Amino acid sequence: MATTVFLALLCVSILGYSLNRQAAARMRANGTKLHSVPGYHGLYSLLSTIVPVVVLIVLWLALQGPTIDRFTMSGLPAGSLDELETGGRQLILAEIKSISRGRVFGNPEAWKVDAADRYVWMHAVAGWMLFGVVIVASLGIVGFARSRVAADFRARHGVERITSGLMLFCSTIAIFTTLGIIAALLFESIRFFERVPITEFFLGLNWEPQIPLREDQVAAEGAFGWIPVFLGTLVITVVALFLAVPVGLLSAIYLNEFATPRLRAVAKPVLEILAGVPTVVYGFFAILVVAPAIRSFGATLGIPVSPNAALAAGSVMGIMLIPFISSFTDDALSAVPKSLRDGALALGATRAETVLNVLFPAAIPGIVGGILLAISRAIGETMIVVMAAGLIASLTINPLDSVTTVTVQIVTLLVGDTSFDNPKTLAAFALGMMLFIVTLVINVFALRIVRKYREAYE
């Protein structure tokens, strides 16, 4: 029913757009001088209808579920919920919903079947009521917008106010979403540090979060020093950037300055295809191709290589990051004013000297943006390191050893028999908070570099 409601709203909104546009066009054809062109009159009706009615639909759907659930539970026979706690009542409601969808297990009681029928009936009634309210409200707004079509009506200003309000709303949602993420991480991290000393987390050299989750479970006491985990993340990130940065920069410089137009038209799309490959495919490539090749090469040289070497995961991650750096660098070089390039060539500089001494410094803001995106992807990448990296935290910087990363540990800690009241599970939120802080520091540092060079070349 929700899809039908939105389709009806869309049809009425398009009808209002057509009515207002045609009315304004007829007035202008008759010689009336309008403040706004007919298109703005149509957009005013369209936006005036869609925005408030969509808000009404969202609020209705948000309140419909809890309201129907409350009526369903209140209509159950007397005594059916006696001596049941909150969990038991929720199980009864879940069973009623399951029966209403046709998923019947065993032989449920008759009163549960009746409740399920009543649940379906209330949903159907609520859906038709919503459909009627939406039709009446949207037609009323369309009629009001049609009555406002006049020579002195400032339709363009109305459209701009509605658009500005939508952009402000979207910006507010983004800000509050970020604040919500920070608050969730901070709250759970505080709970973690109430159980684990903060000095152990920041200064500890061991990471073994294997503690008993139940009274009958045997496990170690656990160690929560995050330094080995962060060091593993740093090792894989450095390996990835060691491959991605030079290859990405050099490929972008070649395609932008030295390649023929025909070669560029073919090579650039092929290079950017790498950005669309799913990360799980990169993970399979790392464990099935790259890791065995590195082990075989190490065995040939007599060098021991771990089965889950950081070099394998970092190398494949570097391949994934190449199109990000290459694309940003190419766009930054293309945005450099042509006068700088022509001036350097006119003074006798070669094309290579022009790129290194003129274009590259002027494009530093865009290049740093691409490298920053690559670093953020490398630090936050999950699937490749989960499949190709190890699970045991090792205090090493040797890329041939097995290491673990922050994202691997977060996935490991939150999978399986989890309970959000013990240090093992809460450690994932502490790691997430530290990952957020590290990424924020990198962003601030990069913005300072971008601002410095932007002021120098503007």
Protein backbone atom coordinates (compact mmCIF):
# COMPACT_ATOMS: atom_id res chain seq x y z
CA MET A 1 0.00 0.00 0.00
CA ALA A 2 2.87 2.38 0.72
CA THR A 3 4.04 2.06 -2.90
CA THR A 4 0.53 2.83 -4.13
CA VAL A 5 0.35 5.88 -1.89
CA PHE A 6 3.64 7.27 -3.21
CA LEU A 7 2.62 6.62 -6.81
CA ALA A 8 -0.67 8.44 -6.22
CA LEU A 9 1.18 11.38 -4.70
CA LEU A 10 3.53 11.47 -7.68
CA CYS A 11 0.65 11.47 -10.15
CA VAL A 12 -1.20 14.27 -8.34
CA SER A 13 2.02 16.31 -8.08
CA ILE A 14 2.68 15.96 -11.80
CA LEU A 15 -0.94 16.98 -12.46
CA GLY A 16 -0.44 20.11 -10.35
CA TYR A 17 2.79 20.91 -12.18
CA SER A 18 1.04 20.60 -15.55
CA LEU A 19 -1.96 22.71 -14.45
CA ASN A 20 0.14 25.57 -13.08
CA ARG A 21 2.53 25.59 -16.00
CA GLN A 22 -0.25 25.63 -18.57
CA ALA A 23 -2.14 28.35 -16.71
CA ALA A 24 0.96 30.56 -16.51
CA ALA A 25 1.76 29.88 -20.18
CA ARG A 26 -1.76 30.91 -21.22
CA MET A 27 -1.51 34.13 -19.22
CA ARG A 28 1.81 34.99 -20.83
CA ALA A 29 0.43 34.14 -24.29
CA ASN A 30 -2.43 36.58 -23.66
CA GLY A 31 0.06 39.38 -23.05
CA THR A 32 0.23 39.29 -19.25
CA LYS A 33 3.68 40.05 -17.92
CA LEU A 34 4.55 37.42 -15.30
CA HIS A 35 7.08 37.83 -12.52
CA SER A 36 8.24 34.19 -12.96
CA VAL A 37 8.38 32.00 -16.02
CA PRO A 38 5.73 29.25 -16.34
CA GLY A 39 8.20 26.54 -15.34
CA TYR A 40 8.60 28.05 -11.86
CA HIS A 41 4.84 28.12 -11.39
CA GLY A 42 4.75 24.39 -12.18
CA LEU A 43 7.69 23.64 -9.87
CA TYR A 44 6.03 25.61 -7.08
CA SER A 45 2.95 23.38 -7.28
CA LEU A 46 5.07 20.22 -7.54
CA LEU A 47 7.29 20.99 -4.55
CA SER A 48 4.46 22.43 -2.45
CA THR A 49 2.58 19.16 -2.90
CA ILE A 50 5.37 16.62 -2.53
CA VAL A 51 7.28 18.02 0.46
CA PRO A 52 4.51 18.34 3.09
CA VAL A 53 2.67 15.20 1.97
CA VAL A 54 5.86 13.11 2.08
CA VAL A 55 6.43 14.35 5.63
CA LEU A 56 2.85 13.34 6.45
CA ILE A 57 3.38 9.86 4.96
CA VAL A 58 6.62 9.31 6.86
CA LEU A 59 5.05 10.36 10.17
CA TRP A 60 1.99 8.21 9.50
CA LEU A 61 4.07 5.13 8.71
CA ALA A 62 6.30 5.74 11.74
CA LEU A 63 3.30 5.86 14.09
CA GLN A 64 1.20 3.23 12.35
CA GLY A 65 3.25 0.23 13.43
CA PRO A 66 3.44 0.97 17.18
CA THR A 67 -0.24 2.01 17.24
CA ILE A 68 -1.44 -1.19 15.57
CA ASP A 69 0.81 -3.25 17.85
CA ARG A 70 -0.72 -1.59 20.90
CA PHE A 71 -4.29 -2.18 19.70
CA THR A 72 -3.44 -5.78 18.86
CA MET A 73 -2.06 -6.52 22.31
CA SER A 74 -4.87 -4.69 24.07
CA GLY A 75 -7.46 -6.75 22.17
CA LEU A 76 -6.13 -10.11 23.37
CA PRO A 77 -8.34 -12.22 25.64
CA ALA A 78 -8.17 -11.46 29.34
CA GLY A 79 -5.54 -13.48 31.13
CA SER A 80 -3.51 -14.38 28.03
CA LEU A 81 -0.70 -12.03 29.02
CA ASP A 82 -0.82 -12.56 32.78
CA GLU A 83 2.49 -13.30 34.47
CA LEU A 84 4.40 -12.46 31.28
CA GLU A 85 7.28 -10.01 31.33
CA THR A 86 8.27 -7.66 28.52
CA GLY A 87 10.20 -10.37 26.69
CA GLY A 88 7.27 -12.77 26.79
CA ARG A 89 4.87 -10.14 25.49
CA GLN A 90 7.23 -9.37 22.61
CA LEU A 91 7.41 -13.06 21.72
CA ILE A 92 3.60 -13.25 21.63
CA LEU A 93 3.45 -10.19 19.36
CA ALA A 94 6.15 -11.63 17.10
CA GLU A 95 4.22 -14.88 16.79
CA ILE A 96 1.03 -13.00 15.90
CA LYS A 97 2.88 -11.06 13.20
CA SER A 98 4.36 -14.28 11.87
CA ILE A 99 0.90 -15.86 11.63
CA SER A 100 -0.42 -12.73 9.86
CA ARG A 101 2.24 -13.22 7.17
CA GLY A 102 1.25 -16.86 6.66
CA ARG A 103 4.20 -18.33 8.53
CA VAL A 104 2.46 -20.73 10.89
CA PHE A 105 4.55 -23.14 12.96
CA GLY A 106 2.73 -25.94 14.71
CA ASN A 107 -0.83 -25.43 15.93
CA PRO A 108 -1.18 -21.95 17.40
CA GLU A 109 -4.02 -21.13 19.79
CA ALA A 110 -7.26 -19.85 18.29
CA TRP A 111 -6.94 -16.47 20.00
CA LYS A 112 -3.55 -15.94 18.31
CA VAL A 113 -5.09 -16.68 14.90
CA ASP A 114 -7.91 -14.23 15.64
CA ALA A 115 -5.38 -11.62 16.73
CA ALA A 116 -3.43 -12.16 13.50
CA ASP A 117 -6.61 -11.67 11.43
CA ARG A 118 -7.36 -8.50 13.35
CA TYR A 119 -3.77 -7.35 12.84
CA VAL A 120 -4.09 -7.80 9.06
CA TRP A 121 -7.45 -6.00 9.04
CA MET A 122 -6.08 -3.01 10.97
CA HIS A 123 -3.13 -2.73 8.60
CA ALA A 124 -5.46 -2.77 5.61
CA VAL A 125 -7.74 -0.12 7.14
CA ALA A 126 -4.74 2.05 8.05
CA GLY A 127 -3.41 1.74 4.51
CA TRP A 128 -6.66 2.83 2.90
CA MET A 129 -7.02 5.66 5.39
CA LEU A 130 -3.53 6.83 4.49
CA PHE A 131 -4.38 6.63 0.80
CA GLY A 132 -7.48 8.76 1.31
CA VAL A 133 -5.70 11.33 3.46
CA VAL A 134 -2.88 11.65 0.92
CA ILE A 135 -5.29 12.09 -2.01
CA VAL A 136 -7.35 14.72 -0.19
CA ALA A 137 -4.30 16.61 1.11
CA SER A 138 -2.43 16.58 -2.20
CA LEU A 139 -5.48 17.66 -4.21
CA GLY A 140 -6.14 20.45 -1.73
CA ILE A 141 -2.55 21.71 -2.02
CA VAL A 142 -2.71 21.47 -5.82
CA GLY A 143 -5.89 23.53 -5.82
CA PHE A 144 -4.33 26.12 -3.51
CA ALA A 145 -1.20 26.34 -5.69
CA ARG A 146 -3.38 26.71 -8.80
CA SER A 147 -5.24 29.62 -7.23
CA ARG A 148 -1.96 31.47 -6.65
CA VAL A 149 -1.04 31.67 -10.33
CA ALA A 150 -1.06 35.41 -11.03
CA ALA A 151 1.01 38.04 -12.73
CA ASP A 152 2.58 39.32 -9.51
CA PHE A 153 3.05 35.94 -7.81
CA ARG A 154 6.73 35.33 -7.09
CA ALA A 155 6.81 31.63 -7.92
CA ARG A 156 10.58 31.58 -8.37
CA HIS A 157 11.11 32.89 -4.84
CA GLY A 158 8.76 30.24 -3.49
CA VAL A 159 10.65 27.48 -5.31
CA GLU A 160 13.96 28.80 -4.01
CA ARG A 161 12.65 28.92 -0.42
CA ILE A 162 11.42 25.33 -0.61
CA THR A 163 14.68 24.17 -2.20
CA SER A 164 16.73 26.00 0.42
CA GLY A 165 14.65 24.39 3.14
CA LEU A 166 15.24 20.94 1.65
CA MET A 167 18.99 21.52 1.46
CA LEU A 168 19.04 22.80 5.03
CA PHE A 169 17.08 19.75 6.16
CA CYS A 170 19.48 17.38 4.39
CA SER A 171 22.48 19.16 5.90
CA THR A 172 20.91 18.94 9.34
CA ILE A 173 20.25 15.23 8.90
CA ALA A 174 23.89 14.69 7.92
CA ILE A 175 25.14 16.66 10.92
CA PHE A 176 22.89 14.89 13.41
CA THR A 177 23.77 11.52 11.90
CA THR A 178 27.45 12.25 12.48
CA LEU A 179 26.73 13.43 16.01
CA GLY A 180 24.69 10.28 16.64
CA ILE A 181 27.54 8.06 15.47
CA ILE A 182 30.00 9.92 17.68
CA ALA A 183 27.64 9.75 20.67
CA ALA A 184 27.09 6.00 20.23
CA LEU A 185 30.80 5.30 19.97
CA LEU A 186 31.61 7.59 22.89
CA PHE A 187 28.94 6.12 25.17
CA GLU A 188 29.99 2.52 24.55
CA SER A 189 33.67 3.45 24.80
CA ILE A 190 33.08 5.00 28.22
CA ARG A 191 31.42 1.75 29.30
CA PHE A 192 34.47 -0.13 28.06
CA PHE A 193 36.90 2.08 29.95
CA GLU A 194 34.87 1.57 33.12
CA ARG A 195 35.83 -2.11 32.92
CA VAL A 196 39.32 -1.86 31.40
CA PRO A 197 41.91 0.72 32.57
CA ILE A 198 42.55 3.35 29.96
CA THR A 199 46.31 2.96 30.46
CA GLU A 200 46.08 -0.73 29.55
CA PHE A 201 44.21 0.07 26.35
CA PHE A 202 46.55 2.83 25.14
CA LEU A 203 49.86 1.47 26.44
CA GLY A 204 49.29 -2.28 26.41
CA LEU A 205 51.34 -4.38 23.99
CA ASN A 206 49.07 -7.44 23.96
CA TRP A 207 45.65 -7.85 22.34
CA GLU A 208 43.85 -11.01 23.42
CA PRO A 209 40.18 -10.15 24.09
CA GLN A 210 39.26 -13.76 24.90
CA ILE A 211 37.34 -13.48 28.15
CA PRO A 212 34.50 -15.70 29.43
CA LEU A 213 31.09 -14.48 28.30
CA ARG A 214 29.15 -16.92 30.51
CA GLU A 215 29.78 -18.37 33.92
CA ASP A 216 30.24 -21.91 32.54
CA GLN A 217 32.67 -20.81 29.81
CA VAL A 218 36.43 -21.21 30.18
CA ALA A 219 38.61 -18.49 28.65
CA ALA A 220 41.64 -16.37 29.36
CA GLU A 221 41.58 -13.18 31.37
CA GLY A 222 42.02 -11.10 28.25
CA ALA A 223 44.39 -8.31 27.24
CA PHE A 224 43.21 -5.11 25.58
CA GLY A 225 46.30 -3.23 24.43
CA TRP A 226 45.41 -1.65 21.11
CA ILE A 227 48.97 -0.90 19.94
CA PRO A 228 49.46 -4.24 18.07
CA VAL A 229 46.10 -3.82 16.34
CA PHE A 230 46.86 -0.25 15.28
CA LEU A 231 50.36 -1.24 14.19
CA GLY A 232 48.92 -3.98 11.97
CA THR A 233 46.53 -1.48 10.41
CA LEU A 234 49.42 0.90 9.84
CA VAL A 235 51.58 -1.80 8.21
CA ILE A 236 48.87 -2.83 5.72
CA THR A 237 48.02 0.81 4.98
CA VAL A 238 51.67 1.69 4.30
CA VAL A 239 52.07 -1.33 2.01
CA ALA A 240 48.92 -0.32 0.11
CA LEU A 241 49.99 3.31 -0.26
CA PHE A 242 53.53 2.29 -1.23
CA LEU A 243 51.99 0.60 -4.27
CA ALA A 244 49.01 2.86 -4.98
CA VAL A 245 50.52 6.35 -4.64
CA PRO A 246 53.38 6.14 -7.17
CA VAL A 247 51.41 4.03 -9.65
CA GLY A 248 48.36 6.27 -9.35
CA LEU A 249 50.32 9.51 -9.65
CA LEU A 250 52.49 8.38 -12.57
CA SER A 251 49.55 6.90 -14.48
CA ALA A 252 47.59 10.13 -14.04
CA ILE A 253 50.51 12.27 -15.17
CA TYR A 254 51.08 10.10 -18.22
CA LEU A 255 47.42 10.01 -19.23
CA ASN A 256 47.01 13.76 -18.69
CA GLU A 257 50.18 15.07 -20.30
CA PHE A 258 51.87 12.48 -22.49
CA ALA A 259 49.29 9.96 -23.74
CA THR A 260 47.58 10.39 -27.09
CA PRO A 261 43.85 11.17 -27.04
CA ARG A 262 43.04 7.72 -28.43
CA LEU A 263 45.09 5.94 -25.76
CA ARG A 264 43.61 8.12 -23.02
CA ALA A 265 40.06 7.41 -24.18
CA VAL A 266 40.72 3.68 -23.75
CA ALA A 267 43.12 3.54 -20.79
CA LYS A 268 41.30 5.87 -18.40
CA PRO A 269 37.96 3.96 -18.39
CA VAL A 270 39.81 0.65 -18.09
CA LEU A 271 41.78 1.97 -15.14
CA GLU A 272 38.67 3.27 -13.42
CA ILE A 273 36.99 -0.13 -13.76
CA LEU A 274 39.16 -1.19 -10.81
CA ALA A 275 37.14 1.16 -8.59
CA GLY A 276 33.96 -0.77 -9.38
CA VAL A 277 35.27 -4.22 -8.54
CA PRO A 278 33.65 -5.49 -5.30
CA THR A 279 36.05 -5.72 -2.39
CA VAL A 280 35.12 -9.37 -1.81
CA VAL A 281 36.57 -10.13 -5.26
CA TYR A 282 39.79 -8.42 -4.22
CA GLY A 283 39.76 -10.57 -1.09
CA PHE A 284 39.44 -13.77 -3.11
CA PHE A 285 42.21 -12.56 -5.41
CA ALA A 286 44.45 -11.92 -2.39
CA ILE A 287 44.00 -15.34 -0.76
CA LEU A 288 43.94 -17.42 -3.95
CA VAL A 289 46.55 -15.70 -6.12
CA VAL A 290 48.67 -13.08 -4.40
CA ALA A 291 49.31 -14.81 -1.06
CA PRO A 292 50.39 -18.16 -2.63
CA ALA A 293 52.60 -16.30 -5.12
CA ILE A 294 54.33 -14.39 -2.32
CA ARG A 295 54.84 -17.59 -0.31
CA SER A 296 56.28 -19.39 -3.33
CA PHE A 297 58.62 -16.52 -4.12
CA GLY A 298 59.70 -16.34 -0.48
CA ALA A 299 60.36 -20.08 -0.40
CA THR A 300 62.50 -19.74 -3.53
CA LEU A 301 64.63 -17.12 -1.78
CA GLY A 302 64.62 -19.00 1.51
CA ILE A 303 62.60 -16.31 3.29
CA PRO A 304 59.82 -17.47 5.61
CA VAL A 305 56.46 -15.94 4.72
CA SER A 306 53.33 -16.18 6.86
CA PRO A 307 50.21 -17.69 5.21
CA ASN A 308 48.33 -14.45 6.00
CA ALA A 309 51.11 -12.01 5.24
CA ALA A 310 50.39 -8.30 5.49
CA LEU A 311 52.13 -7.88 2.15
CA ALA A 312 49.40 -9.83 0.34
CA ALA A 313 46.51 -7.89 1.83
CA GLY A 314 48.31 -4.55 1.44
CA SER A 315 49.29 -5.20 -2.17
CA VAL A 316 45.76 -6.08 -3.25
CA MET A 317 44.41 -3.11 -1.34
CA GLY A 318 46.92 -0.93 -3.16
CA ILE A 319 45.59 -2.18 -6.50
CA MET A 320 42.10 -1.21 -5.35
CA LEU A 321 43.26 2.30 -4.41
CA ILE A 322 45.04 3.08 -7.69
CA PRO A 323 41.95 4.44 -9.54
CA PHE A 324 41.07 6.77 -6.64
CA ILE A 325 44.47 8.44 -6.64
CA SER A 326 44.76 8.41 -10.43
CA SER A 327 41.32 9.94 -10.99
CA PHE A 328 41.77 12.71 -8.42
CA THR A 329 45.25 13.53 -9.72
CA ASP A 330 44.07 13.62 -13.32
CA ASP A 331 41.19 15.95 -12.44
CA ALA A 332 43.53 18.18 -10.41
CA LEU A 333 46.04 18.44 -13.26
CA SER A 334 43.27 19.20 -15.75
CA ALA A 335 41.99 22.00 -13.48
CA VAL A 336 45.34 23.85 -13.50
CA PRO A 337 45.01 27.02 -15.64
CA LYS A 338 46.36 26.56 -19.14
CA SER A 339 48.29 29.83 -18.77
CA LEU A 340 50.67 28.22 -16.26
CA ARG A 341 51.43 25.38 -18.65
CA ASP A 342 51.87 27.69 -21.65
CA GLY A 343 54.06 30.10 -19.67
CA ALA A 344 56.42 27.34 -18.55
CA LEU A 345 56.71 25.94 -22.06
CA ALA A 346 57.27 29.45 -23.46
CA LEU A 347 60.20 29.94 -21.07
CA GLY A 348 61.89 26.85 -22.47
CA ALA A 349 60.89 24.22 -19.92
CA THR A 350 60.41 20.69 -21.13
CA ARG A 351 57.09 18.91 -20.64
CA ALA A 352 58.56 16.88 -17.79
CA GLU A 353 59.90 20.01 -16.09
CA THR A 354 56.55 21.71 -16.56
CA VAL A 355 54.75 18.84 -14.89
CA LEU A 356 57.16 18.54 -11.96
CA ASN A 357 57.81 22.22 -11.27
CA VAL A 358 54.57 23.94 -12.31
CA LEU A 359 51.56 21.66 -12.72
CA PHE A 360 52.23 19.26 -9.88
CA PRO A 361 52.66 21.94 -7.16
CA ALA A 362 49.60 23.82 -8.43
CA ALA A 363 47.51 20.63 -8.32
CA ILE A 364 48.60 19.67 -4.79
CA PRO A 365 45.14 20.34 -3.23
CA GLY A 366 43.40 17.87 -5.54
CA ILE A 367 46.23 15.35 -5.30
CA VAL A 368 46.18 15.48 -1.50
CA GLY A 369 42.41 14.98 -1.63
CA GLY A 370 42.87 11.80 -3.67
CA ILE A 371 45.58 10.46 -1.37
CA LEU A 372 43.44 11.33 1.66
CA LEU A 373 40.55 9.35 0.20
CA ALA A 374 42.91 6.45 -0.44
CA ILE A 375 44.20 6.54 3.14
CA SER A 376 40.67 6.62 4.52
CA ARG A 377 39.68 3.65 2.34
CA ALA A 378 42.80 1.76 3.36
CA ILE A 379 42.29 2.32 7.09
CA GLY A 380 38.59 1.52 6.97
CA GLU A 381 38.70 -1.36 4.49
CA THR A 382 37.15 -4.49 5.95
CA MET A 383 36.51 -7.27 3.44
CA ILE A 384 40.02 -7.56 1.99
CA VAL A 385 41.75 -7.62 5.37
CA VAL A 386 39.14 -9.95 6.88
CA MET A 387 39.79 -12.49 4.11
CA ALA A 388 43.53 -11.99 3.57
CA ALA A 389 44.94 -10.76 6.91
CA GLY A 390 45.32 -12.68 10.14
CA LEU A 391 43.29 -12.67 13.34
CA ILE A 392 46.13 -12.68 15.86
CA ALA A 393 47.60 -9.31 16.81
CA SER A 394 51.39 -9.29 16.42
CA LEU A 395 53.69 -6.49 17.50
CA THR A 396 55.66 -6.37 14.27
CA ILE A 397 56.29 -4.14 11.29
CA ASN A 398 57.46 -6.97 9.04
CA PRO A 399 55.05 -7.13 6.08
CA LEU A 400 55.85 -10.84 5.65
CA ASP A 401 54.33 -11.65 9.04
CA SER A 402 50.68 -12.15 9.89
CA VAL A 403 49.04 -9.08 11.39
CA THR A 404 45.52 -8.00 12.20
CA THR A 405 43.76 -4.67 11.77
CA VAL A 406 41.22 -2.60 13.62
CA THR A 407 38.41 -3.48 11.22
CA VAL A 408 39.18 -7.22 11.42
CA GLN A 409 38.99 -7.11 15.21
CA ILE A 410 35.73 -5.13 15.15
CA VAL A 411 34.14 -7.73 12.88
CA THR A 412 35.52 -10.59 14.99
CA LEU A 413 34.32 -9.11 18.27
CA LEU A 414 30.80 -8.42 17.04
CA VAL A 415 30.17 -11.79 15.37
CA GLY A 416 28.79 -14.76 17.23
CA ASP A 417 27.63 -15.00 20.85
CA THR A 418 27.76 -11.31 21.74
CA SER A 419 26.54 -9.54 24.84
CA PHE A 420 26.90 -5.79 25.16
CA ASP A 421 27.80 -5.83 28.82
CA ASN A 422 31.30 -7.29 28.79
CA PRO A 423 34.71 -5.83 27.83
CA LYS A 424 35.17 -8.18 24.86
CA THR A 425 32.21 -6.76 22.94
CA LEU A 426 32.65 -3.19 24.16
CA ALA A 427 36.25 -3.27 22.94
CA ALA A 428 34.90 -3.08 19.38
CA PHE A 429 33.40 0.34 20.11
CA ALA A 430 36.65 1.55 21.68
CA LEU A 431 38.51 0.46 18.55
CA GLY A 432 35.89 2.19 16.41
CA MET A 433 36.32 5.42 18.37
CA MET A 434 40.09 5.31 17.94
CA LEU A 435 39.67 4.63 14.22
CA PHE A 436 37.38 7.65 14.00
CA ILE A 437 39.89 9.85 15.84
CA VAL A 438 42.80 8.72 13.64
CA THR A 439 40.79 9.42 10.48
CA LEU A 440 39.79 12.84 11.84
CA VAL A 441 43.44 13.73 12.54
CA ILE A 442 44.39 12.71 8.99
CA ASN A 443 41.58 14.87 7.59
CA VAL A 444 42.64 17.90 9.62
CA PHE A 445 46.27 17.48 8.57
CA ALA A 446 45.30 17.13 4.91
CA LEU A 447 43.03 20.20 5.03
CA ARG A 448 45.91 22.28 6.38
CA ILE A 449 48.09 21.18 3.46
CA VAL A 450 45.33 21.85 0.94
CA ARG A 451 44.67 25.31 2.40
CA LYS A 452 48.35 26.21 2.37
CA TYR A 453 48.93 25.37 -1.29
CA ARG A 454 45.57 26.71 -2.40
CA GLU A 455 46.46 30.11 -0.98
CA ALA A 456 49.83 29.95 -2.72
CA TYR A 457 48.44 29.26 -6.21
CA GLU A 458 45.15 31.16 -6.24
